[in-house]
Amino acid sequence: MTPLALMLAVAGATNPAAPVIDPATRAAIEATCLDYVDGQLEGDPARVARSLHPDLAKRAILGDTPDERLGLRRMSKEELVELTRQGALKTPKVQWNRRCTLLDVTGNAASVRLETPWFVDYFHMGRFGERWVIVNALWYSKPR
């Protein structure tokens, strides 16, 4: 084996290629992520609602509390849509700084990371027909 062939073989073994994701699938997943975050930043509850599964499980880790061991802050689709309606995260567009990163797609399931100056969300998305929606979200509020 030539030195170049050996180098390429080792590189391939230590850096497996990232899975190829169909551009249309990538665009649909990113659009759902942006509906979620931009809808909140715009104060558009309809846009947020269309990004969410009806049985959304949105949670943040609280840790041990007086009332709960391994405590979680829980939020439903209805609560998030209502907070959006109230303008809880409404922000002037010049201050928007958000990034959706597609982590993985397997069949009709995807993992996505959303980061803003205020929070990080990790999503599990599901594809229902041609539509991707957020089924689970674990979020972390950044220190202010």
Protein backbone atom coordinates (compact mmCIF):
# COMPACT_ATOMS: atom_id res chain seq x y z
CA MET A 1 0.00 0.00 0.00
CA THR A 2 1.37 3.41 -0.92
CA PRO A 3 1.73 6.06 1.79
CA LEU A 4 -1.08 8.11 0.18
CA ALA A 5 -3.45 5.13 0.07
CA LEU A 6 -2.65 4.30 3.69
CA MET A 7 -3.27 7.92 4.74
CA LEU A 8 -6.64 7.97 2.94
CA ALA A 9 -7.65 4.63 4.46
CA VAL A 10 -6.82 5.83 7.98
CA ALA A 11 -8.60 9.16 7.41
CA GLY A 12 -11.71 7.34 6.20
CA ALA A 13 -11.69 5.04 9.23
CA THR A 14 -11.35 7.88 11.75
CA ASN A 15 -13.66 10.41 10.01
CA PRO A 16 -16.65 8.54 8.61
CA ALA A 17 -18.56 10.63 6.11
CA ALA A 18 -21.57 12.46 7.45
CA PRO A 19 -24.83 11.00 6.22
CA VAL A 20 -26.10 12.55 3.01
CA ILE A 21 -29.35 14.41 3.63
CA ASP A 22 -31.64 15.18 0.74
CA PRO A 23 -31.69 18.98 0.19
CA ALA A 24 -35.51 19.07 0.26
CA THR A 25 -35.55 17.24 3.60
CA ARG A 26 -32.91 19.58 5.02
CA ALA A 27 -34.89 22.63 3.85
CA ALA A 28 -38.15 21.33 5.34
CA ILE A 29 -36.52 20.61 8.72
CA GLU A 30 -34.80 24.01 8.80
CA ALA A 31 -38.10 25.72 7.87
CA THR A 32 -39.78 24.05 10.86
CA CYS A 33 -36.98 25.19 13.17
CA LEU A 34 -37.27 28.76 11.84
CA ASP A 35 -41.07 28.73 12.18
CA TYR A 36 -40.55 27.85 15.84
CA VAL A 37 -37.94 30.49 16.67
CA ASP A 38 -38.89 33.28 14.24
CA GLY A 39 -42.54 32.86 15.16
CA GLN A 40 -41.66 33.51 18.80
CA LEU A 41 -39.38 36.44 17.95
CA GLU A 42 -42.11 37.96 15.70
CA GLY A 43 -44.87 37.24 18.21
CA ASP A 44 -46.71 35.10 15.60
CA PRO A 45 -48.56 32.29 17.45
CA ALA A 46 -49.86 30.68 14.23
CA ARG A 47 -46.32 30.28 12.92
CA VAL A 48 -45.15 28.69 16.18
CA ALA A 49 -48.21 26.41 16.34
CA ARG A 50 -47.60 24.97 12.87
CA SER A 51 -44.08 23.92 13.89
CA LEU A 52 -45.29 21.85 16.86
CA HIS A 53 -46.82 18.39 17.24
CA PRO A 54 -50.15 18.53 19.15
CA ASP A 55 -48.61 16.35 21.87
CA LEU A 56 -45.40 18.39 22.19
CA ALA A 57 -43.23 17.62 25.22
CA LYS A 58 -41.10 20.73 25.93
CA ARG A 59 -38.91 20.53 29.00
CA ALA A 60 -36.06 22.23 30.82
CA ILE A 61 -33.95 20.62 33.51
CA LEU A 62 -34.46 22.14 36.96
CA GLY A 63 -32.64 19.51 39.01
CA ASP A 64 -33.71 18.58 42.49
CA THR A 65 -36.31 20.91 43.96
CA PRO A 66 -38.24 20.78 47.25
CA ASP A 67 -41.15 19.25 45.32
CA GLU A 68 -39.42 16.95 42.86
CA ARG A 69 -36.28 14.86 42.47
CA LEU A 70 -34.79 15.29 38.98
CA GLY A 71 -37.19 18.17 38.42
CA LEU A 72 -38.27 19.34 34.99
CA ARG A 73 -39.99 22.51 33.82
CA ARG A 74 -42.73 21.26 31.52
CA MET A 75 -44.50 23.14 28.76
CA SER A 76 -47.22 22.07 26.34
CA LYS A 77 -47.90 23.28 22.82
CA GLU A 78 -50.79 25.37 24.14
CA GLU A 79 -48.60 27.07 26.75
CA LEU A 80 -45.87 27.92 24.23
CA VAL A 81 -48.39 29.27 21.73
CA GLU A 82 -50.01 31.39 24.45
CA LEU A 83 -46.62 32.79 25.56
CA THR A 84 -45.99 33.70 21.92
CA ARG A 85 -49.42 35.38 21.71
CA GLN A 86 -48.44 37.44 24.78
CA GLY A 87 -45.18 38.45 23.08
CA ALA A 88 -42.94 36.82 25.71
CA LEU A 89 -39.96 36.62 23.31
CA LYS A 90 -40.94 39.28 20.79
CA THR A 91 -37.70 40.91 19.69
CA PRO A 92 -36.82 43.54 17.07
CA LYS A 93 -35.47 41.81 13.96
CA VAL A 94 -32.13 43.67 14.13
CA GLN A 95 -31.44 41.76 17.39
CA TRP A 96 -32.18 38.31 15.98
CA ASN A 97 -29.23 36.00 16.16
CA ARG A 98 -30.32 32.41 15.79
CA ARG A 99 -28.93 29.27 14.20
CA CYS A 100 -30.58 25.93 13.43
CA THR A 101 -28.16 23.02 13.10
CA LEU A 102 -29.40 19.72 11.72
CA LEU A 103 -27.65 17.01 13.73
CA ASP A 104 -29.08 13.81 12.25
CA VAL A 105 -31.87 12.40 10.13
CA THR A 106 -32.92 8.77 10.05
CA GLY A 107 -36.09 7.96 8.13
CA ASN A 108 -38.89 10.06 9.59
CA ALA A 109 -36.94 11.21 12.67
CA ALA A 110 -34.50 14.12 13.01
CA SER A 111 -32.43 15.81 15.73
CA VAL A 112 -31.87 19.57 15.55
CA ARG A 113 -30.05 22.12 17.72
CA LEU A 114 -31.35 25.70 17.88
CA GLU A 115 -29.26 28.43 19.47
CA THR A 116 -30.19 32.04 20.24
CA PRO A 117 -28.58 34.57 22.60
CA TRP A 118 -31.17 33.57 25.22
CA PHE A 119 -31.54 29.80 24.99
CA VAL A 120 -30.54 26.53 23.34
CA ASP A 121 -33.15 23.99 22.27
CA TYR A 122 -32.57 20.39 21.25
CA PHE A 123 -35.42 19.07 19.11
CA HIS A 124 -36.63 15.68 18.11
CA MET A 125 -38.66 16.20 14.96
CA GLY A 126 -40.94 13.78 13.19
CA ARG A 127 -42.06 13.67 9.58
CA PHE A 128 -45.77 13.16 9.07
CA GLY A 129 -46.39 12.83 5.35
CA GLU A 130 -44.35 15.70 3.89
CA ARG A 131 -44.54 17.82 7.05
CA TRP A 132 -41.86 17.97 9.76
CA VAL A 133 -42.92 19.03 13.27
CA ILE A 134 -41.24 19.28 16.66
CA VAL A 135 -42.30 16.39 18.88
CA ASN A 136 -39.88 16.86 21.80
CA ALA A 137 -37.83 19.86 22.88
CA LEU A 138 -35.29 20.05 25.69
CA TRP A 139 -34.22 23.63 26.34
CA TYR A 140 -31.57 25.43 28.32
CA SER A 141 -31.90 29.09 29.31
CA LYS A 142 -28.55 30.83 29.02
CA PRO A 143 -27.42 32.89 32.00
CA ARG A 144 -28.24 36.59 31.58
